[in-house]
C-alpha atoms as a PDB file:
ATOM      1  CA  MET A   1      -2.223 -17.452 -30.473  1.00  0.00           C
ATOM      2  CA  PHE A   2      -2.814 -16.709 -26.793  1.00  0.00           C
ATOM      3  CA  TRP A   3      -2.914 -19.205 -23.858  1.00  0.00           C
ATOM      4  CA  GLY A   4      -4.368 -18.494 -20.790  1.00  0.00           C
ATOM      5  CA  SER A   5      -6.160 -19.920 -17.736  1.00  0.00           C
ATOM      6  CA  PHE A   6      -8.858 -18.592 -15.561  1.00  0.00           C
ATOM      7  CA  SER A   7     -10.415 -19.072 -12.167  1.00  0.00           C
ATOM      8  CA  TYR A   8     -13.106 -17.095 -10.359  1.00  0.00           C
ATOM      9  CA  ASP A   9     -11.201 -16.411  -7.307  1.00  0.00           C
ATOM     10  CA  MET A  10      -7.613 -16.141  -8.165  1.00  0.00           C
ATOM     11  CA  LYS A  11      -5.260 -13.999 -10.227  1.00  0.00           C
ATOM     12  CA  GLY A  12      -4.250 -16.514 -12.946  1.00  0.00           C
ATOM     13  CA  LEU A  13      -1.628 -16.150 -15.601  1.00  0.00           C
ATOM     14  CA  CYS A  14      -3.528 -13.437 -17.422  1.00  0.00           C
ATOM     15  CA  TYR A  15      -5.359 -10.985 -15.377  1.00  0.00           C
ATOM     16  CA  CYS A  16      -7.102  -7.874 -16.217  1.00  0.00           C
ATOM     17  CA  TRP A  17      -6.470  -5.175 -13.587  1.00  0.00           C
ATOM     18  CA  GLU A  18      -9.163  -2.693 -12.541  1.00  0.00           C
ATOM     19  CA  PRO A  19      -8.467   0.867 -12.313  1.00  0.00           C
ATOM     20  CA  GLU A  20      -7.612   1.815  -8.676  1.00  0.00           C
ATOM     21  CA  THR A  21     -10.014   3.998  -6.871  1.00  0.00           C
ATOM     22  CA  VAL A  22      -9.226   7.120  -4.755  1.00  0.00           C
ATOM     23  CA  LYS A  23     -10.153   5.284  -1.588  1.00  0.00           C
ATOM     24  CA  GLU A  24      -7.610   2.469  -2.575  1.00  0.00           C
ATOM     25  CA  LYS A  25      -4.945   4.993  -3.425  1.00  0.00           C
ATOM     26  CA  GLU A  26      -5.300   6.481  -0.091  1.00  0.00           C
ATOM     27  CA  ALA A  27      -5.192   3.206   1.741  1.00  0.00           C
ATOM     28  CA  VAL A  28      -1.984   2.196  -0.120  1.00  0.00           C
ATOM     29  CA  LYS A  29      -0.352   5.460   0.726  1.00  0.00           C
ATOM     30  CA  GLU A  30      -1.063   4.804   4.349  1.00  0.00           C
ATOM     31  CA  GLU A  31       0.169   1.275   4.177  1.00  0.00           C
ATOM     32  CA  ILE A  32       3.459   2.241   2.453  1.00  0.00           C
ATOM     33  CA  LYS A  33       3.894   4.927   5.075  1.00  0.00           C
ATOM     34  CA  ARG A  34       3.555   2.269   7.911  1.00  0.00           C
ATOM     35  CA  LEU A  35       5.998   0.053   6.235  1.00  0.00           C
ATOM     36  CA  ASN A  36       8.496   2.898   5.855  1.00  0.00           C
ATOM     37  CA  GLU A  37       8.124   3.667   9.701  1.00  0.00           C
ATOM     38  CA  GLU A  38       8.829  -0.013  10.310  1.00  0.00           C
ATOM     39  CA  LEU A  39      11.642  -0.186   7.790  1.00  0.00           C
ATOM     40  CA  GLU A  40      13.552   2.882   8.590  1.00  0.00           C
ATOM     41  CA  PRO A  41      15.166   1.983  11.936  1.00  0.00           C
ATOM     42  CA  LEU A  42      16.190  -1.360  10.571  1.00  0.00           C
ATOM     43  CA  MET A  43      17.701   0.108   7.522  1.00  0.00           C
ATOM     44  CA  LYS A  44      19.594   2.821   9.542  1.00  0.00           C
ATOM     45  CA  LYS A  45      21.127   0.328  11.893  1.00  0.00           C
ATOM     46  CA  GLU A  46      22.384  -1.674   8.811  1.00  0.00           C
ATOM     47  CA  TRP A  47      23.546   1.491   7.105  1.00  0.00           C
ATOM     48  CA  GLU A  48      25.656   2.625   9.958  1.00  0.00           C
ATOM     49  CA  LEU A  49      27.158  -0.919  10.560  1.00  0.00           C
ATOM     50  CA  GLN A  50      28.115  -0.746   6.780  1.00  0.00           C
ATOM     51  CA  ASN A  51      29.293   2.605   6.610  1.00  0.00           C
ATOM     52  CA  GLY A  52      31.257   2.455   9.974  1.00  0.00           C
ATOM     53  CA  LEU A  53      33.113  -0.813   8.687  1.00  0.00           C
ATOM     54  CA  ASN A  54      33.824   0.933   5.332  1.00  0.00           C
ATOM     55  CA  ARG A  55      35.290   4.220   7.088  1.00  0.00           C
ATOM     56  CA  PHE A  56      37.168   2.008   9.568  1.00  0.00           C
ATOM     57  CA  SER A  57      41.025   2.457   9.180  1.00  0.00           C
ATOM     58  CA  LEU A  58      43.854   4.063  11.260  1.00  0.00           C
ATOM     59  CA  TRP A  59      43.906   7.351   9.194  1.00  0.00           C
ATOM     60  CA  ASN A  60      41.121   9.724   8.878  1.00  0.00           C
ATOM     61  CA  LEU A  61      39.534   9.394   5.443  1.00  0.00           C
ATOM     62  CA  PRO A  62      39.211  12.710   3.392  1.00  0.00           C
ATOM     63  CA  GLY A  63      35.789  14.062   2.713  1.00  0.00           C
ATOM     64  CA  ARG A  64      32.729  14.884   4.355  1.00  0.00           C
ATOM     65  CA  LYS A  65      31.344  12.217   6.991  1.00  0.00           C
ATOM     66  CA  PRO A  66      28.341  10.318   5.359  1.00  0.00           C
ATOM     67  CA  LYS A  67      24.923  11.427   6.787  1.00  0.00           C
ATOM     68  CA  TRP A  68      21.888   9.192   6.932  1.00  0.00           C
ATOM     69  CA  ARG A  69      19.044   9.894   4.317  1.00  0.00           C
ATOM     70  CA  TRP A  70      16.219   7.812   3.907  1.00  0.00           C
ATOM     71  CA  VAL A  71      15.909   7.481   0.204  1.00  0.00           C
ATOM     72  CA  LYS A  72      15.136   4.847  -2.385  1.00  0.00           C
ATOM     73  CA  GLU A  73      18.771   3.878  -2.994  1.00  0.00           C
ATOM     74  CA  ILE A  74      18.820   2.987   0.710  1.00  0.00           C
ATOM     75  CA  GLY A  75      15.344   1.064   0.739  1.00  0.00           C
ATOM     76  CA  LYS A  76      12.602   3.623   1.136  1.00  0.00           C
ATOM     77  CA  LEU A  77       9.317   2.489  -0.300  1.00  0.00           C
ATOM     78  CA  PHE A  78       7.270   4.557  -2.539  1.00  0.00           C
ATOM     79  CA  ARG A  79       5.196   4.600  -5.677  1.00  0.00           C
ATOM     80  CA  GLU A  80       6.043   6.374  -8.800  1.00  0.00           C
ATOM     81  CA  GLY A  81       4.936   6.783 -12.403  1.00  0.00           C
ATOM     82  CA  LYS A  82       1.659   7.615 -14.063  1.00  0.00           C
ATOM     83  CA  GLY A  83      -0.754   4.901 -13.661  1.00  0.00           C
ATOM     84  CA  GLY A  84      -0.351   1.300 -14.791  1.00  0.00           C
ATOM     85  CA  ILE A  85       0.837  -1.935 -12.762  1.00  0.00           C
ATOM     86  CA  ASP A  86       3.429  -0.962 -10.320  1.00  0.00           C
ATOM     87  CA  TRP A  87       5.432  -3.080  -7.589  1.00  0.00           C
ATOM     88  CA  TYR A  88       2.742  -2.512  -5.089  1.00  0.00           C
ATOM     89  CA  ARG A  89      -0.294  -3.662  -7.253  1.00  0.00           C
ATOM     90  CA  TYR A  90       1.454  -6.545  -8.649  1.00  0.00           C
END
């Protein structure tokens, strides 16, 4: 049995996604790039604060001093995978 609802101008509980065009994909890349440019300084400040407090002590901690890298684990946004519905489209 399948239950669903529909509406002409809204995505309901069940929605059939249309394939993305090349123009839409390029627009999404630009949007994600813009979002990352806005997020990076904020996330860097947060990382520096968190990392500075973790390394704060009276003695020097062994090992290398951490360096800032803008990657997924810290909060960088990017699309991955081959097709399908990902976090951006949903």
